Amino acid sequence: MGRRKSRSKPLVTKRKIENKQRNKLPTKFDCIFCTQEGSVECKIFKDKKQGNLRCNACGESFQTKVHSLSENIDVYTDWKDSHVAEPEHYEEDHEDEESDGYGDDSE
């Protein structure tokens, strides 16, 4: 009597990797000027290496340079950082600092 042939195991060329749900980053943001929720949309043009955002409510817009790893959230945070860094927005808050802070100086 002969010996039974063993079944050959199929060769594994590629592993089956389960598709894991990634944590998705937001695509719509709140406007820092008009405080409208979800009104700011970002678009990234990787061929031009440029990121644009625009508020649909107040019409405020912003452009910045991007690289191959940039996402919409990066453009939005650049906008927030540049808004904070601009000195013209601080002029209104610091007008009262010129006085000594003790009220009126008529004495």
PDB file of N, CA and C in Angstrom:
ATOM      1  N   MET A   1       0.825  -1.169   0.000  1.00  0.00           N
ATOM      2  CA  MET A   1       0.000   0.000   0.000  1.00  0.00           C
ATOM      3  C   MET A   1       0.872   1.234   0.000  1.00  0.00           C
ATOM      4  N   GLY A   2       0.307   2.230  -0.662  1.00  0.00           N
ATOM      5  CA  GLY A   2       1.036   3.483  -0.787  1.00  0.00           C
ATOM      6  C   GLY A   2       0.692   4.461   0.330  1.00  0.00           C
ATOM      7  N   ARG A   3       1.474   5.422   0.418  1.00  0.00           N
ATOM      8  CA  ARG A   3       1.288   6.445   1.438  1.00  0.00           C
ATOM      9  C   ARG A   3       0.382   7.532   0.894  1.00  0.00           C
ATOM     10  N   ARG A   4      -0.475   8.109   1.740  1.00  0.00           N
ATOM     11  CA  ARG A   4      -1.368   9.181   1.290  1.00  0.00           C
ATOM     12  C   ARG A   4      -0.570  10.447   1.049  1.00  0.00           C
ATOM     13  N   LYS A   5      -0.972  11.160   0.043  1.00  0.00           N
ATOM     14  CA  LYS A   5      -0.304  12.426  -0.246  1.00  0.00           C
ATOM     15  C   LYS A   5      -0.810  13.480   0.737  1.00  0.00           C
ATOM     16  N   SER A   6       0.117  14.229   1.262  1.00  0.00           N
ATOM     17  CA  SER A   6      -0.285  15.290   2.174  1.00  0.00           C
ATOM     18  C   SER A   6      -0.749  16.496   1.358  1.00  0.00           C
ATOM     19  N   ARG A   7      -1.696  17.181   1.906  1.00  0.00           N
ATOM     20  CA  ARG A   7      -2.183  18.386   1.221  1.00  0.00           C
ATOM     21  C   ARG A   7      -1.133  19.480   1.322  1.00  0.00           C
ATOM     22  N   SER A   8      -0.882  20.095   0.231  1.00  0.00           N
ATOM     23  CA  SER A   8       0.080  21.197   0.285  1.00  0.00           C
ATOM     24  C   SER A   8      -0.636  22.449   0.775  1.00  0.00           C
ATOM     25  N   LYS A   9      -0.004  23.131   1.676  1.00  0.00           N
ATOM     26  CA  LYS A   9      -0.586  24.354   2.211  1.00  0.00           C
ATOM     27  C   LYS A   9      -0.419  25.458   1.187  1.00  0.00           C
ATOM     28  N   PRO A  10      -1.460  26.282   1.048  1.00  0.00           N
ATOM     29  CA  PRO A  10      -1.327  27.380   0.081  1.00  0.00           C
ATOM     30  C   PRO A  10      -0.271  28.375   0.567  1.00  0.00           C
ATOM     31  N   LEU A  11       0.492  28.866  -0.364  1.00  0.00           N
ATOM     32  CA  LEU A  11       1.514  29.839  -0.033  1.00  0.00           C
ATOM     33  C   LEU A  11       0.862  31.169   0.316  1.00  0.00           C
ATOM     34  N   VAL A  12       1.335  31.743   1.363  1.00  0.00           N
ATOM     35  CA  VAL A  12       0.808  33.034   1.786  1.00  0.00           C
ATOM     36  C   VAL A  12       1.683  34.107   1.155  1.00  0.00           C
ATOM     37  N   THR A  13       1.138  34.795   0.153  1.00  0.00           N
ATOM     38  CA  THR A  13       1.926  35.826  -0.506  1.00  0.00           C
ATOM     39  C   THR A  13       1.637  37.191   0.112  1.00  0.00           C
ATOM     40  N   LYS A  14       0.408  37.398   0.479  1.00  0.00           N
ATOM     41  CA  LYS A  14       0.024  38.652   1.111  1.00  0.00           C
ATOM     42  C   LYS A  14      -0.835  38.333   2.312  1.00  0.00           C
ATOM     43  N   ARG A  15      -0.551  39.004   3.375  1.00  0.00           N
ATOM     44  CA  ARG A  15      -1.380  38.828   4.550  1.00  0.00           C
ATOM     45  C   ARG A  15      -2.656  39.625   4.394  1.00  0.00           C
ATOM     46  N   LYS A  16      -3.698  39.069   4.940  1.00  0.00           N
ATOM     47  CA  LYS A  16      -4.930  39.838   4.978  1.00  0.00           C
ATOM     48  C   LYS A  16      -4.865  40.757   6.171  1.00  0.00           C
ATOM     49  N   ILE A  17      -4.890  42.014   5.899  1.00  0.00           N
ATOM     50  CA  ILE A  17      -4.853  42.998   6.966  1.00  0.00           C
ATOM     51  C   ILE A  17      -6.240  43.590   7.071  1.00  0.00           C
ATOM     52  N   GLU A  18      -6.760  43.528   8.261  1.00  0.00           N
ATOM     53  CA  GLU A  18      -8.090  44.067   8.468  1.00  0.00           C
ATOM     54  C   GLU A  18      -8.055  45.574   8.329  1.00  0.00           C
ATOM     55  N   ASN A  19      -9.073  46.096   7.704  1.00  0.00           N
ATOM     56  CA  ASN A  19      -9.165  47.544   7.570  1.00  0.00           C
ATOM     57  C   ASN A  19      -9.615  48.123   8.902  1.00  0.00           C
ATOM     58  N   LYS A  20      -8.718  48.820   9.513  1.00  0.00           N
ATOM     59  CA  LYS A  20      -9.044  49.450  10.780  1.00  0.00           C
ATOM     60  C   LYS A  20      -9.594  50.840  10.498  1.00  0.00           C
ATOM     61  N   GLN A  21     -10.574  51.190  11.264  1.00  0.00           N
ATOM     62  CA  GLN A  21     -11.118  52.532  11.109  1.00  0.00           C
ATOM     63  C   GLN A  21     -10.143  53.510  11.723  1.00  0.00           C
ATOM     64  N   ARG A  22      -9.732  54.462  10.907  1.00  0.00           N
ATOM     65  CA  ARG A  22      -8.839  55.483  11.407  1.00  0.00           C
ATOM     66  C   ARG A  22      -9.648  56.585  12.052  1.00  0.00           C
ATOM     67  N   ASN A  23      -9.051  57.239  13.020  1.00  0.00           N
ATOM     68  CA  ASN A  23      -9.691  58.411  13.592  1.00  0.00           C
ATOM     69  C   ASN A  23      -9.631  59.507  12.550  1.00  0.00           C
ATOM     70  N   LYS A  24     -10.791  59.914  12.082  1.00  0.00           N
ATOM     71  CA  LYS A  24     -10.836  60.915  11.024  1.00  0.00           C
ATOM     72  C   LYS A  24     -10.690  62.306  11.613  1.00  0.00           C
ATOM     73  N   LEU A  25      -9.902  63.111  10.937  1.00  0.00           N
ATOM     74  CA  LEU A  25      -9.729  64.496  11.342  1.00  0.00           C
ATOM     75  C   LEU A  25     -10.902  65.314  10.823  1.00  0.00           C
ATOM     76  N   PRO A  26     -11.271  66.367  11.521  1.00  0.00           N
ATOM     77  CA  PRO A  26     -12.398  67.182  11.058  1.00  0.00           C
ATOM     78  C   PRO A  26     -12.062  67.905   9.752  1.00  0.00           C
ATOM     79  N   THR A  27     -13.095  68.177   8.971  1.00  0.00           N
ATOM     80  CA  THR A  27     -12.910  68.893   7.712  1.00  0.00           C
ATOM     81  C   THR A  27     -13.567  70.267   7.741  1.00  0.00           C
ATOM     82  N   LYS A  28     -14.496  70.480   8.665  1.00  0.00           N
ATOM     83  CA  LYS A  28     -15.140  71.781   8.823  1.00  0.00           C
ATOM     84  C   LYS A  28     -14.835  72.297  10.222  1.00  0.00           C
ATOM     85  N   PHE A  29     -14.585  73.617  10.285  1.00  0.00           N
ATOM     86  CA  PHE A  29     -14.129  74.201  11.540  1.00  0.00           C
ATOM     87  C   PHE A  29     -14.957  75.423  11.888  1.00  0.00           C
ATOM     88  N   ASP A  30     -14.760  75.926  13.115  1.00  0.00           N
ATOM     89  CA  ASP A  30     -15.445  77.129  13.576  1.00  0.00           C
ATOM     90  C   ASP A  30     -14.638  78.356  13.180  1.00  0.00           C
ATOM     91  N   CYS A  31     -15.328  79.398  12.777  1.00  0.00           N
ATOM     92  CA  CYS A  31     -14.668  80.647  12.384  1.00  0.00           C
ATOM     93  C   CYS A  31     -14.225  81.396  13.631  1.00  0.00           C
ATOM     94  N   ILE A  32     -13.005  81.950  13.606  1.00  0.00           N
ATOM     95  CA  ILE A  32     -12.506  82.683  14.760  1.00  0.00           C
ATOM     96  C   ILE A  32     -12.932  84.142  14.736  1.00  0.00           C
ATOM     97  N   PHE A  33     -13.493  84.603  13.617  1.00  0.00           N
ATOM     98  CA  PHE A  33     -13.962  85.985  13.535  1.00  0.00           C
ATOM     99  C   PHE A  33     -15.450  86.100  13.857  1.00  0.00           C
ATOM    100  N   CYS A  34     -16.277  85.296  13.196  1.00  0.00           N
ATOM    101  CA  CYS A  34     -17.725  85.406  13.402  1.00  0.00           C
ATOM    102  C   CYS A  34     -18.262  84.325  14.335  1.00  0.00           C
ATOM    103  N   THR A  35     -17.435  83.412  14.794  1.00  0.00           N
ATOM    104  CA  THR A  35     -17.764  82.308  15.704  1.00  0.00           C
ATOM    105  C   THR A  35     -18.903  81.420  15.198  1.00  0.00           C
ATOM    106  N   GLN A  36     -19.068  81.343  13.901  1.00  0.00           N
ATOM    107  CA  GLN A  36     -20.065  80.461  13.290  1.00  0.00           C
ATOM    108  C   GLN A  36     -19.518  79.035  13.313  1.00  0.00           C
ATOM    109  N   GLU A  37     -20.297  78.090  13.781  1.00  0.00           N
ATOM    110  CA  GLU A  37     -19.832  76.712  13.890  1.00  0.00           C
ATOM    111  C   GLU A  37     -19.884  76.002  12.547  1.00  0.00           C
ATOM    112  N   GLY A  38     -18.797  75.358  12.178  1.00  0.00           N
ATOM    113  CA  GLY A  38     -18.747  74.544  10.967  1.00  0.00           C
ATOM    114  C   GLY A  38     -18.817  75.317   9.673  1.00  0.00           C
ATOM    115  N   SER A  39     -18.477  76.584   9.677  1.00  0.00           N
ATOM    116  CA  SER A  39     -18.603  77.388   8.465  1.00  0.00           C
ATOM    117  C   SER A  39     -17.302  77.513   7.692  1.00  0.00           C
ATOM    118  N   VAL A  40     -16.185  77.098   8.261  1.00  0.00           N
ATOM    119  CA  VAL A  40     -14.883  77.231   7.605  1.00  0.00           C
ATOM    120  C   VAL A  40     -14.550  75.921   6.900  1.00  0.00           C
ATOM    121  N   GLU A  41     -14.289  76.021   5.592  1.00  0.00           N
ATOM    122  CA  GLU A  41     -13.909  74.862   4.800  1.00  0.00           C
ATOM    123  C   GLU A  41     -12.482  75.042   4.317  1.00  0.00           C
ATOM    124  N   CYS A  42     -11.715  73.967   4.374  1.00  0.00           N
ATOM    125  CA  CYS A  42     -10.325  74.001   3.932  1.00  0.00           C
ATOM    126  C   CYS A  42     -10.180  73.196   2.647  1.00  0.00           C
ATOM    127  N   LYS A  43      -9.326  73.702   1.767  1.00  0.00           N
ATOM    128  CA  LYS A  43      -8.976  72.980   0.546  1.00  0.00           C
ATOM    129  C   LYS A  43      -7.459  73.004   0.426  1.00  0.00           C
ATOM    130  N   ILE A  44      -6.891  71.850   0.094  1.00  0.00           N
ATOM    131  CA  ILE A  44      -5.447  71.739  -0.061  1.00  0.00           C
ATOM    132  C   ILE A  44      -5.147  71.370  -1.501  1.00  0.00           C
ATOM    133  N   PHE A  45      -4.289  72.162  -2.118  1.00  0.00           N
ATOM    134  CA  PHE A  45      -3.833  71.908  -3.479  1.00  0.00           C
ATOM    135  C   PHE A  45      -2.374  71.483  -3.377  1.00  0.00           C
ATOM    136  N   LYS A  46      -2.146  70.162  -3.351  1.00  0.00           N
ATOM    137  CA  LYS A  46      -0.789  69.657  -3.148  1.00  0.00           C
ATOM    138  C   LYS A  46       0.087  69.890  -4.366  1.00  0.00           C
ATOM    139  N   ASP A  47      -0.505  69.973  -5.563  1.00  0.00           N
ATOM    140  CA  ASP A  47       0.304  70.241  -6.737  1.00  0.00           C
ATOM    141  C   ASP A  47       0.858  71.665  -6.725  1.00  0.00           C
ATOM    142  N   LYS A  48       0.100  72.613  -6.159  1.00  0.00           N
ATOM    143  CA  LYS A  48       0.548  73.999  -6.025  1.00  0.00           C
ATOM    144  C   LYS A  48       1.234  74.262  -4.688  1.00  0.00           C
ATOM    145  N   LYS A  49       1.184  73.261  -3.779  1.00  0.00           N
ATOM    146  CA  LYS A  49       1.711  73.377  -2.420  1.00  0.00           C
ATOM    147  C   LYS A  49       1.087  74.565  -1.697  1.00  0.00           C
ATOM    148  N   GLN A  50      -0.241  74.615  -1.767  1.00  0.00           N
ATOM    149  CA  GLN A  50      -0.979  75.734  -1.191  1.00  0.00           C
ATOM    150  C   GLN A  50      -2.225  75.219  -0.494  1.00  0.00           C
ATOM    151  N   GLY A  51      -2.511  75.798   0.674  1.00  0.00           N
ATOM    152  CA  GLY A  51      -3.719  75.468   1.409  1.00  0.00           C
ATOM    153  C   GLY A  51      -4.584  76.709   1.550  1.00  0.00           C
ATOM    154  N   ASN A  52      -5.854  76.592   1.255  1.00  0.00           N
ATOM    155  CA  ASN A  52      -6.803  77.702   1.336  1.00  0.00           C
ATOM    156  C   ASN A  52      -7.910  77.352   2.307  1.00  0.00           C
ATOM    157  N   LEU A  53      -8.390  78.367   3.014  1.00  0.00           N
ATOM    158  CA  LEU A  53      -9.606  78.182   3.792  1.00  0.00           C
ATOM    159  C   LEU A  53     -10.461  79.427   3.659  1.00  0.00           C
ATOM    160  N   ARG A  54     -11.766  79.221   3.833  1.00  0.00           N
ATOM    161  CA  ARG A  54     -12.726  80.308   3.661  1.00  0.00           C
ATOM    162  C   ARG A  54     -13.913  80.062   4.567  1.00  0.00           C
ATOM    163  N   CYS A  55     -14.376  81.135   5.198  1.00  0.00           N
ATOM    164  CA  CYS A  55     -15.575  81.071   6.020  1.00  0.00           C
ATOM    165  C   CYS A  55     -16.772  81.369   5.128  1.00  0.00           C
ATOM    166  N   ASN A  56     -17.732  80.492   5.135  1.00  0.00           N
ATOM    167  CA  ASN A  56     -18.931  80.691   4.317  1.00  0.00           C
ATOM    168  C   ASN A  56     -19.862  81.739   4.899  1.00  0.00           C
ATOM    169  N   ALA A  57     -19.732  82.048   6.174  1.00  0.00           N
ATOM    170  CA  ALA A  57     -20.622  83.016   6.809  1.00  0.00           C
ATOM    171  C   ALA A  57     -20.130  84.447   6.627  1.00  0.00           C
ATOM    172  N   CYS A  58     -18.865  84.707   7.002  1.00  0.00           N
ATOM    173  CA  CYS A  58     -18.375  86.088   6.961  1.00  0.00           C
ATOM    174  C   CYS A  58     -17.448  86.357   5.782  1.00  0.00           C
ATOM    175  N   GLY A  59     -17.026  85.333   5.060  1.00  0.00           N
ATOM    176  CA  GLY A  59     -16.200  85.532   3.876  1.00  0.00           C
ATOM    177  C   GLY A  59     -14.714  85.676   4.151  1.00  0.00           C
ATOM    178  N   GLU A  60     -14.290  85.499   5.383  1.00  0.00           N
ATOM    179  CA  GLU A  60     -12.863  85.586   5.720  1.00  0.00           C
ATOM    180  C   GLU A  60     -12.120  84.449   5.033  1.00  0.00           C
ATOM    181  N   SER A  61     -10.925  84.744   4.499  1.00  0.00           N
ATOM    182  CA  SER A  61     -10.153  83.715   3.810  1.00  0.00           C
ATOM    183  C   SER A  61      -8.693  83.780   4.242  1.00  0.00           C
ATOM    184  N   PHE A  62      -7.965  82.687   3.972  1.00  0.00           N
ATOM    185  CA  PHE A  62      -6.573  82.574   4.380  1.00  0.00           C
ATOM    186  C   PHE A  62      -5.873  81.608   3.441  1.00  0.00           C
ATOM    187  N   GLN A  63      -4.584  81.888   3.140  1.00  0.00           N
ATOM    188  CA  GLN A  63      -3.760  81.001   2.328  1.00  0.00           C
ATOM    189  C   GLN A  63      -2.455  80.740   3.054  1.00  0.00           C
ATOM    190  N   THR A  64      -1.944  79.531   2.894  1.00  0.00           N
ATOM    191  CA  THR A  64      -0.658  79.184   3.492  1.00  0.00           C
ATOM    192  C   THR A  64       0.027  78.133   2.639  1.00  0.00           C
ATOM    193  N   LYS A  65       1.326  77.987   2.842  1.00  0.00           N
ATOM    194  CA  LYS A  65       2.087  76.953   2.143  1.00  0.00           C
ATOM    195  C   LYS A  65       1.910  75.635   2.877  1.00  0.00           C
ATOM    196  N   VAL A  66       1.824  74.551   2.117  1.00  0.00           N
ATOM    197  CA  VAL A  66       1.675  73.218   2.696  1.00  0.00           C
ATOM    198  C   VAL A  66       2.749  72.300   2.124  1.00  0.00           C
ATOM    199  N   HIS A  67       2.919  71.155   2.747  1.00  0.00           N
ATOM    200  CA  HIS A  67       3.829  70.133   2.243  1.00  0.00           C
ATOM    201  C   HIS A  67       3.053  68.833   2.064  1.00  0.00           C
ATOM    202  N   SER A  68       3.729  67.775   1.732  1.00  0.00           N
ATOM    203  CA  SER A  68       3.051  66.537   1.358  1.00  0.00           C
ATOM    204  C   SER A  68       2.284  65.898   2.512  1.00  0.00           C
ATOM    205  N   LEU A  69       2.646  66.199   3.751  1.00  0.00           N
ATOM    206  CA  LEU A  69       1.970  65.594   4.894  1.00  0.00           C
ATOM    207  C   LEU A  69       0.897  66.477   5.506  1.00  0.00           C
ATOM    208  N   SER A  70       0.673  67.655   4.965  1.00  0.00           N
ATOM    209  CA  SER A  70      -0.286  68.600   5.541  1.00  0.00           C
ATOM    210  C   SER A  70      -1.717  68.111   5.363  1.00  0.00           C
ATOM    211  N   GLU A  71      -2.526  68.416   6.362  1.00  0.00           N
ATOM    212  CA  GLU A  71      -3.950  68.091   6.343  1.00  0.00           C
ATOM    213  C   GLU A  71      -4.739  69.376   6.563  1.00  0.00           C
ATOM    214  N   ASN A  72      -6.066  69.268   6.523  1.00  0.00           N
ATOM    215  CA  ASN A  72      -6.933  70.440   6.704  1.00  0.00           C
ATOM    216  C   ASN A  72      -6.726  71.085   8.071  1.00  0.00           C
ATOM    217  N   ILE A  73      -6.518  70.279   9.079  1.00  0.00           N
ATOM    218  CA  ILE A  73      -6.340  70.807  10.426  1.00  0.00           C
ATOM    219  C   ILE A  73      -5.070  71.651  10.519  1.00  0.00           C
ATOM    220  N   ASP A  74      -4.064  71.319   9.731  1.00  0.00           N
ATOM    221  CA  ASP A  74      -2.817  72.089   9.726  1.00  0.00           C
ATOM    222  C   ASP A  74      -3.031  73.489   9.158  1.00  0.00           C
ATOM    223  N   VAL A  75      -3.837  73.601   8.117  1.00  0.00           N
ATOM    224  CA  VAL A  75      -4.146  74.906   7.534  1.00  0.00           C
ATOM    225  C   VAL A  75      -4.934  75.743   8.537  1.00  0.00           C
ATOM    226  N   TYR A  76      -5.886  75.117   9.213  1.00  0.00           N
ATOM    227  CA  TYR A  76      -6.703  75.829  10.199  1.00  0.00           C
ATOM    228  C   TYR A  76      -5.858  76.320  11.374  1.00  0.00           C
ATOM    229  N   THR A  77      -4.947  75.482  11.871  1.00  0.00           N
ATOM    230  CA  THR A  77      -4.112  75.915  12.989  1.00  0.00           C
ATOM    231  C   THR A  77      -3.126  76.997  12.568  1.00  0.00           C
ATOM    232  N   ASP A  78      -2.642  76.958  11.324  1.00  0.00           N
ATOM    233  CA  ASP A  78      -1.799  78.046  10.825  1.00  0.00           C
ATOM    234  C   ASP A  78      -2.581  79.356  10.813  1.00  0.00           C
ATOM    235  N   TRP A  79      -3.861  79.278  10.445  1.00  0.00           N
ATOM    236  CA  TRP A  79      -4.717  80.470  10.417  1.00  0.00           C
ATOM    237  C   TRP A  79      -4.893  81.019  11.823  1.00  0.00           C
ATOM    238  N   LYS A  80      -5.172  80.141  12.775  1.00  0.00           N
ATOM    239  CA  LYS A  80      -5.344  80.582  14.164  1.00  0.00           C
ATOM    240  C   LYS A  80      -4.052  81.176  14.715  1.00  0.00           C
ATOM    241  N   ASP A  81      -2.912  80.545  14.409  1.00  0.00           N
ATOM    242  CA  ASP A  81      -1.634  81.047  14.890  1.00  0.00           C
ATOM    243  C   ASP A  81      -1.299  82.405  14.291  1.00  0.00           C
ATOM    244  N   SER A  82      -1.581  82.596  13.009  1.00  0.00           N
ATOM    245  CA  SER A  82      -1.279  83.881  12.383  1.00  0.00           C
ATOM    246  C   SER A  82      -2.234  84.966  12.890  1.00  0.00           C
ATOM    247  N   HIS A  83      -3.446  84.591  13.239  1.00  0.00           N
ATOM    248  CA  HIS A  83      -4.404  85.559  13.788  1.00  0.00           C
ATOM    249  C   HIS A  83      -3.929  86.047  15.155  1.00  0.00           C
ATOM    250  N   VAL A  84      -3.404  85.154  15.960  1.00  0.00           N
ATOM    251  CA  VAL A  84      -2.918  85.522  17.287  1.00  0.00           C
ATOM    252  C   VAL A  84      -1.636  86.339  17.177  1.00  0.00           C
ATOM    253  N   ALA A  85      -0.793  86.036  16.197  1.00  0.00           N
ATOM    254  CA  ALA A  85       0.501  86.690  16.076  1.00  0.00           C
ATOM    255  C   ALA A  85       0.417  88.093  15.472  1.00  0.00           C
ATOM    256  N   GLU A  86      -0.684  88.447  14.830  1.00  0.00           N
ATOM    257  CA  GLU A  86      -0.791  89.763  14.198  1.00  0.00           C
ATOM    258  C   GLU A  86      -0.959  90.840  15.257  1.00  0.00           C
ATOM    259  N   PRO A  87      -0.140  91.882  15.227  1.00  0.00           N
ATOM    260  CA  PRO A  87      -0.222  92.915  16.259  1.00  0.00           C
ATOM    261  C   PRO A  87      -1.451  93.808  16.138  1.00  0.00           C
ATOM    262  N   GLU A  88      -2.068  93.887  14.957  1.00  0.00           N
ATOM    263  CA  GLU A  88      -3.214  94.785  14.801  1.00  0.00           C
ATOM    264  C   GLU A  88      -4.410  94.335  15.622  1.00  0.00           C
ATOM    265  N   HIS A  89      -4.495  93.053  15.938  1.00  0.00           N
ATOM    266  CA  HIS A  89      -5.604  92.553  16.747  1.00  0.00           C
ATOM    267  C   HIS A  89      -5.392  92.841  18.229  1.00  0.00           C
ATOM    268  N   TYR A  90      -4.156  93.100  18.612  1.00  0.00           N
ATOM    269  CA  TYR A  90      -3.874  93.384  20.010  1.00  0.00           C
ATOM    270  C   TYR A  90      -4.009  94.864  20.344  1.00  0.00           C
ATOM    271  N   GLU A  91      -4.054  95.733  19.346  1.00  0.00           N
ATOM    272  CA  GLU A  91      -4.139  97.170  19.593  1.00  0.00           C
ATOM    273  C   GLU A  91      -5.404  97.539  20.360  1.00  0.00           C
ATOM    274  N   GLU A  92      -6.516  96.910  20.030  1.00  0.00           N
ATOM    275  CA  GLU A  92      -7.779  97.222  20.692  1.00  0.00           C
ATOM    276  C   GLU A  92      -7.745  96.812  22.165  1.00  0.00           C
ATOM    277  N   ASP A  93      -7.100  95.685  22.459  1.00  0.00           N
ATOM    278  CA  ASP A  93      -7.074  95.176  23.831  1.00  0.00           C
ATOM    279  C   ASP A  93      -6.135  95.965  24.727  1.00  0.00           C
ATOM    280  N   HIS A  94      -5.097  96.571  24.163  1.00  0.00           N
ATOM    281  CA  HIS A  94      -4.071  97.200  24.970  1.00  0.00           C
ATOM    282  C   HIS A  94      -4.098  98.727  24.912  1.00  0.00           C
ATOM    283  N   GLU A  95      -5.161  99.328  24.463  1.00  0.00           N
ATOM    284  CA  GLU A  95      -5.252 100.789  24.404  1.00  0.00           C
ATOM    285  C   GLU A  95      -5.276 101.389  25.804  1.00  0.00           C
ATOM    286  N   ASP A  96      -5.881 100.707  26.754  1.00  0.00           N
ATOM    287  CA  ASP A  96      -6.015 101.227  28.109  1.00  0.00           C
ATOM    288  C   ASP A  96      -4.736 101.089  28.928  1.00  0.00           C
ATOM    289  N   GLU A  97      -3.739 100.376  28.430  1.00  0.00           N
ATOM    290  CA  GLU A  97      -2.515 100.167  29.186  1.00  0.00           C
ATOM    291  C   GLU A  97      -1.628 101.416  29.225  1.00  0.00           C
ATOM    292  N   GLU A  98      -1.911 102.406  28.374  1.00  0.00           N
ATOM    293  CA  GLU A  98      -1.106 103.621  28.366  1.00  0.00           C
ATOM    294  C   GLU A  98      -1.298 104.416  29.651  1.00  0.00           C
ATOM    295  N   SER A  99      -2.462 104.341  30.246  1.00  0.00           N
ATOM    296  CA  SER A  99      -2.678 105.023  31.516  1.00  0.00           C
ATOM    297  C   SER A  99      -2.048 104.186  32.626  1.00  0.00           C
ATOM    298  N   ASP A 100      -1.921 104.763  33.819  1.00  0.00           N
ATOM    299  CA  ASP A 100      -1.277 104.040  34.918  1.00  0.00           C
ATOM    300  C   ASP A 100      -2.190 102.995  35.560  1.00  0.00           C
ATOM    301  N   GLY A 101      -3.442 102.935  35.162  1.00  0.00           N
ATOM    302  CA  GLY A 101      -4.350 101.908  35.639  1.00  0.00           C
ATOM    303  C   GLY A 101      -5.072 102.262  36.921  1.00  0.00           C
ATOM    304  N   TYR A 102      -4.911 103.489  37.416  1.00  0.00           N
ATOM    305  CA  TYR A 102      -5.545 103.885  38.671  1.00  0.00           C
ATOM    306  C   TYR A 102      -6.783 104.752  38.428  1.00  0.00           C
ATOM    307  N   GLY A 103      -7.357 104.695  37.278  1.00  0.00           N
ATOM    308  CA  GLY A 103      -8.533 105.519  37.002  1.00  0.00           C
ATOM    309  C   GLY A 103      -8.130 106.796  36.287  1.00  0.00           C
ATOM    310  N   ASP A 104      -8.832 107.911  36.560  1.00  0.00           N
ATOM    311  CA  ASP A 104      -8.488 109.144  35.865  1.00  0.00           C
ATOM    312  C   ASP A 104      -7.326 109.855  36.571  1.00  0.00           C
ATOM    313  N   ASP A 105      -6.545 110.562  35.751  1.00  0.00           N
ATOM    314  CA  ASP A 105      -5.347 111.236  36.259  1.00  0.00           C
ATOM    315  C   ASP A 105      -5.593 112.726  36.480  1.00  0.00           C
ATOM    316  N   SER A 106      -6.801 113.156  36.838  1.00  0.00           N
ATOM    317  CA  SER A 106      -7.131 114.576  36.963  1.00  0.00           C
ATOM    318  C   SER A 106      -6.674 115.158  38.293  1.00  0.00           C
ATOM    319  N   GLU A 107      -6.149 114.382  39.215  1.00  0.00           N
ATOM    320  CA  GLU A 107      -5.774 114.907  40.523  1.00  0.00           C
ATOM    321  C   GLU A 107      -4.588 115.772  40.481  1.00  0.00           C
TER     322      GLU A 107
END
